[in-house]
């Protein structure tokens, strides 16, 4: 067993003791490798540091890490990462390395009024939708949302092979990457044409996704 692993185990044990014996000891906010722990007590940050020490000796990071009483969203990493509604393909997971897991959704062609970003989630950060048809990944769209203007911006649109996908604003033309609330994004994926229609209502971001015949 390496020294880092021994130190890590010791920190986990010590953190557990502090958590039980001195629960009101001032805590801290710690971030590492896309994970973040913020606690009013000192025990959880110590446990987190201990886990980091152990994980650095194994070369792997579970997604997400869960600590008692702490919600840690994690971020998309290598292939097989879990999105909100499904397992991402390896290609898409690599493309989404900086987007938190809880901001990635999956939509099947024909789905309507699917909640992508809930009322309690931030509207200011990017979010992504993995698009599927018959359960097969066909594309991925990364969007940003500007609440004051109720405007969606297409940050990235790729097909199943992570190649840029041809797309346009089917509702009003013009800038293909700018969508007013409830505009339809027409996108070509795998020789077929689809439309993704995102919108903001009731404090949350929803969308519908359909294959269309021209």
Protein backbone atom coordinates (compact mmCIF):
# COMPACT_ATOMS: atom_id res chain seq x y z
CA UNK A 1 0.00 0.00 0.00
CA UNK A 2 1.39 3.41 -0.97
CA UNK A 3 2.01 6.29 1.43
CA UNK A 4 -0.74 8.34 -0.29
CA UNK A 5 -3.24 5.54 0.33
CA UNK A 6 -2.24 5.24 3.99
CA UNK A 7 -2.55 9.01 4.46
CA UNK A 8 -5.90 8.94 2.69
CA UNK A 9 -7.29 6.21 4.93
CA UNK A 10 -6.05 8.08 7.99
CA UNK A 11 -7.79 11.27 6.84
CA UNK A 12 -11.04 9.39 6.24
CA UNK A 13 -10.91 7.88 9.74
CA UNK A 14 -9.95 11.19 11.35
CA UNK A 15 -12.67 13.01 9.42
CA UNK A 16 -15.25 10.48 10.62
CA UNK A 17 -14.12 11.02 14.22
CA UNK A 18 -14.33 14.82 13.82
CA UNK A 19 -17.76 14.46 12.21
CA UNK A 20 -19.05 12.54 15.24
CA UNK A 21 -17.14 14.16 18.13
CA UNK A 22 -16.83 17.75 16.86
CA UNK A 23 -19.71 18.25 14.42
CA UNK A 24 -19.68 22.04 14.83
CA UNK A 25 -15.98 22.46 14.02
CA UNK A 26 -15.85 25.08 11.13
CA UNK A 27 -15.73 23.45 7.70
CA UNK A 28 -14.59 24.51 4.25
CA UNK A 29 -15.26 24.33 0.52
CA UNK A 30 -13.01 21.96 -1.43
CA UNK A 31 -12.98 21.23 -5.18
CA UNK A 32 -10.99 18.61 -7.10
CA UNK A 33 -11.22 17.00 -10.54
CA UNK A 34 -14.67 18.48 -11.17
CA UNK A 35 -16.02 17.42 -7.76
CA UNK A 36 -16.86 19.87 -5.02
CA UNK A 37 -17.70 19.56 -1.33
CA UNK A 38 -18.98 22.46 0.75
CA UNK A 39 -19.72 21.78 4.41
CA UNK A 40 -20.26 23.80 7.57
CA UNK A 41 -18.48 21.06 9.53
CA UNK A 42 -14.82 20.03 9.27
CA UNK A 43 -15.42 16.28 9.13
CA UNK A 44 -16.72 15.93 5.55
CA UNK A 45 -13.91 17.95 3.91
CA UNK A 46 -11.36 15.74 5.72
CA UNK A 47 -13.14 12.61 4.50
CA UNK A 48 -13.18 14.06 0.99
CA UNK A 49 -9.43 14.78 1.10
CA UNK A 50 -8.85 11.24 2.29
CA UNK A 51 -10.85 9.81 -0.60
CA UNK A 52 -8.91 11.98 -3.04
CA UNK A 53 -5.62 10.62 -1.66
CA UNK A 54 -6.82 7.05 -2.06
CA UNK A 55 -8.24 7.63 -5.54
CA UNK A 56 -5.02 9.19 -6.82
CA UNK A 57 -3.27 5.88 -6.12
CA UNK A 58 -5.78 3.89 -8.18
CA UNK A 59 -5.89 6.14 -11.23
CA UNK A 60 -9.69 6.05 -11.39
CA UNK A 61 -12.44 8.35 -10.21
CA UNK A 62 -15.96 6.99 -9.62
CA UNK A 63 -18.77 9.10 -11.06
CA UNK A 64 -20.35 10.48 -9.04
CA UNK A 65 -18.72 10.34 -5.57
CA UNK A 66 -21.30 10.34 -2.78
CA UNK A 67 -20.56 11.41 0.79
CA UNK A 68 -23.09 11.29 3.65
CA UNK A 69 -25.22 14.42 3.62
CA UNK A 70 -23.42 15.92 0.60
CA UNK A 71 -24.68 16.14 -2.96
CA UNK A 72 -21.80 15.96 -5.42
CA UNK A 73 -22.97 16.17 -9.04
CA UNK A 74 -19.69 15.20 -10.69
CA UNK A 75 -18.94 15.76 -14.35
CA UNK A 76 -19.04 13.71 -17.50
CA UNK A 77 -15.78 11.82 -17.97
CA UNK A 78 -14.85 8.78 -20.04
CA UNK A 79 -17.23 6.51 -21.98
CA UNK A 80 -20.13 4.99 -20.06
CA UNK A 81 -20.83 8.04 -17.92
CA UNK A 82 -24.42 8.24 -16.70
CA UNK A 83 -26.56 11.15 -17.90
CA UNK A 84 -29.90 12.22 -16.39
CA UNK A 85 -31.92 9.79 -18.49
CA UNK A 86 -29.48 7.31 -19.97
CA UNK A 87 -25.95 6.09 -20.59
CA UNK A 88 -23.90 8.32 -22.88
CA UNK A 89 -21.94 6.88 -25.78
CA UNK A 90 -18.15 7.05 -25.37
CA UNK A 91 -17.93 9.62 -28.17
CA UNK A 92 -20.48 11.94 -26.54
CA UNK A 93 -19.04 11.47 -23.05
CA UNK A 94 -15.67 12.67 -24.28
CA UNK A 95 -17.26 15.68 -25.97
CA UNK A 96 -19.01 16.63 -22.69
CA UNK A 97 -16.06 16.54 -20.32
CA UNK A 98 -16.90 19.91 -18.71
CA UNK A 99 -20.68 19.59 -18.32
CA UNK A 100 -22.12 18.36 -14.99
CA UNK A 101 -23.91 15.02 -15.10
CA UNK A 102 -27.23 16.47 -13.93
CA UNK A 103 -27.28 18.88 -16.88
CA UNK A 104 -27.16 16.13 -19.52
CA UNK A 105 -30.43 14.57 -20.67
CA UNK A 106 -31.49 12.00 -23.24
CA UNK A 107 -34.42 12.43 -25.64
CA UNK A 108 -35.95 9.82 -27.92
CA UNK A 109 -37.46 10.91 -31.25
CA UNK A 110 -41.16 11.54 -30.65
CA UNK A 111 -40.76 12.76 -27.06
CA UNK A 112 -42.71 15.86 -26.05
CA UNK A 113 -42.41 18.35 -23.17
CA UNK A 114 -39.42 16.62 -21.55
CA UNK A 115 -37.92 18.53 -18.60
CA UNK A 116 -34.23 19.18 -19.24
CA UNK A 117 -33.42 21.73 -16.53
CA UNK A 118 -35.61 21.79 -13.43
CA UNK A 119 -36.87 24.83 -11.50
CA UNK A 120 -34.15 24.47 -8.85
CA UNK A 121 -31.27 24.18 -11.32
CA UNK A 122 -29.21 27.09 -12.61
CA UNK A 123 -30.32 28.44 -15.99
CA UNK A 124 -27.02 30.21 -16.59
CA UNK A 125 -24.83 27.17 -17.31
CA UNK A 126 -24.66 25.09 -20.47
CA UNK A 127 -26.73 21.92 -20.73
CA UNK A 128 -26.79 19.10 -23.25
CA UNK A 129 -29.22 16.70 -24.89
CA UNK A 130 -28.26 13.30 -26.28
CA UNK A 131 -30.67 12.58 -29.13
CA UNK A 132 -31.74 9.01 -29.88
CA UNK A 133 -33.94 7.30 -32.46
CA UNK A 134 -35.11 3.78 -31.72
CA UNK A 135 -32.81 3.83 -28.68
CA UNK A 136 -29.76 4.46 -30.87
CA UNK A 137 -27.71 7.65 -30.30
CA UNK A 138 -27.95 9.85 -33.39
CA UNK A 139 -26.67 13.20 -32.18
CA UNK A 140 -25.80 15.57 -29.39
CA UNK A 141 -26.70 19.23 -28.90
CA UNK A 142 -25.13 21.54 -26.31
CA UNK A 143 -27.14 24.67 -25.51
CA UNK A 144 -26.76 27.83 -23.51
CA UNK A 145 -29.76 29.84 -22.25
CA UNK A 146 -30.00 33.60 -21.71
CA UNK A 147 -32.90 34.07 -19.31
CA UNK A 148 -33.28 37.85 -19.73
CA UNK A 149 -33.84 37.43 -23.47
CA UNK A 150 -35.42 33.96 -23.36
CA UNK A 151 -32.84 33.02 -25.98
CA UNK A 152 -31.15 29.67 -26.57
CA UNK A 153 -27.72 29.49 -28.21
CA UNK A 154 -26.43 26.32 -29.89
CA UNK A 155 -22.91 25.83 -28.56
CA UNK A 156 -22.31 22.48 -30.24
CA UNK A 157 -24.25 20.17 -32.57
CA UNK A 158 -22.68 16.84 -33.56
CA UNK A 159 -23.79 13.54 -35.08
CA UNK A 160 -23.28 10.03 -33.70
CA UNK A 161 -19.63 10.10 -34.82
CA UNK A 162 -18.99 13.47 -33.17
CA UNK A 163 -18.81 15.26 -36.51
CA UNK A 164 -20.38 18.75 -36.81
CA UNK A 165 -24.04 18.42 -37.78
CA UNK A 166 -25.74 20.72 -40.27
CA UNK A 167 -28.48 22.70 -38.51
CA UNK A 168 -30.72 25.75 -38.89
CA UNK A 169 -33.44 27.71 -37.14
CA UNK A 170 -36.52 26.22 -38.82
CA UNK A 171 -38.87 28.75 -37.20
CA UNK A 172 -37.41 32.03 -38.44
CA UNK A 173 -34.18 31.41 -40.36
CA UNK A 174 -31.22 33.73 -39.81
CA UNK A 175 -28.51 32.74 -37.35
CA UNK A 176 -28.65 28.91 -37.11
CA UNK A 177 -27.26 29.03 -33.57
CA UNK A 178 -29.81 31.50 -32.15
CA UNK A 179 -33.22 30.20 -31.06
CA UNK A 180 -35.91 32.34 -29.52
CA UNK A 181 -38.10 30.65 -26.91
CA UNK A 182 -39.81 27.61 -28.50
CA UNK A 183 -38.09 27.99 -31.88
CA UNK A 184 -37.32 24.69 -33.66
CA UNK A 185 -33.75 23.64 -34.36
CA UNK A 186 -33.70 21.55 -37.55
CA UNK A 187 -30.71 19.22 -37.59
CA UNK A 188 -29.46 16.57 -40.03
CA UNK A 189 -28.27 13.38 -38.35
CA UNK A 190 -27.34 10.11 -40.03
CA UNK A 191 -29.13 10.98 -43.28
CA UNK A 192 -32.36 11.91 -41.48
CA UNK A 193 -33.80 15.26 -40.46
CA UNK A 194 -34.97 16.03 -36.93
CA UNK A 195 -36.26 19.02 -35.02
CA UNK A 196 -35.46 19.90 -31.41
CA UNK A 197 -37.75 22.53 -29.89
CA UNK A 198 -36.49 23.91 -26.54
CA UNK A 199 -38.47 26.33 -24.42
CA UNK A 200 -38.57 27.99 -21.03
CA UNK A 201 -41.81 27.94 -19.02
CA UNK A 202 -42.83 27.55 -15.40
CA UNK A 203 -39.28 28.05 -14.16
CA UNK A 204 -37.87 25.10 -16.09
CA UNK A 205 -36.42 24.32 -19.52
CA UNK A 206 -38.33 21.75 -21.56
CA UNK A 207 -38.02 20.38 -25.09
CA UNK A 208 -39.68 18.23 -27.71
CA UNK A 209 -37.80 16.15 -30.27
CA UNK A 210 -39.13 14.61 -33.48
CA UNK A 211 -38.02 13.08 -36.77
CA UNK A 212 -39.56 14.94 -39.69
CA UNK A 213 -40.23 14.15 -43.34
CA UNK A 214 -39.57 16.97 -45.78
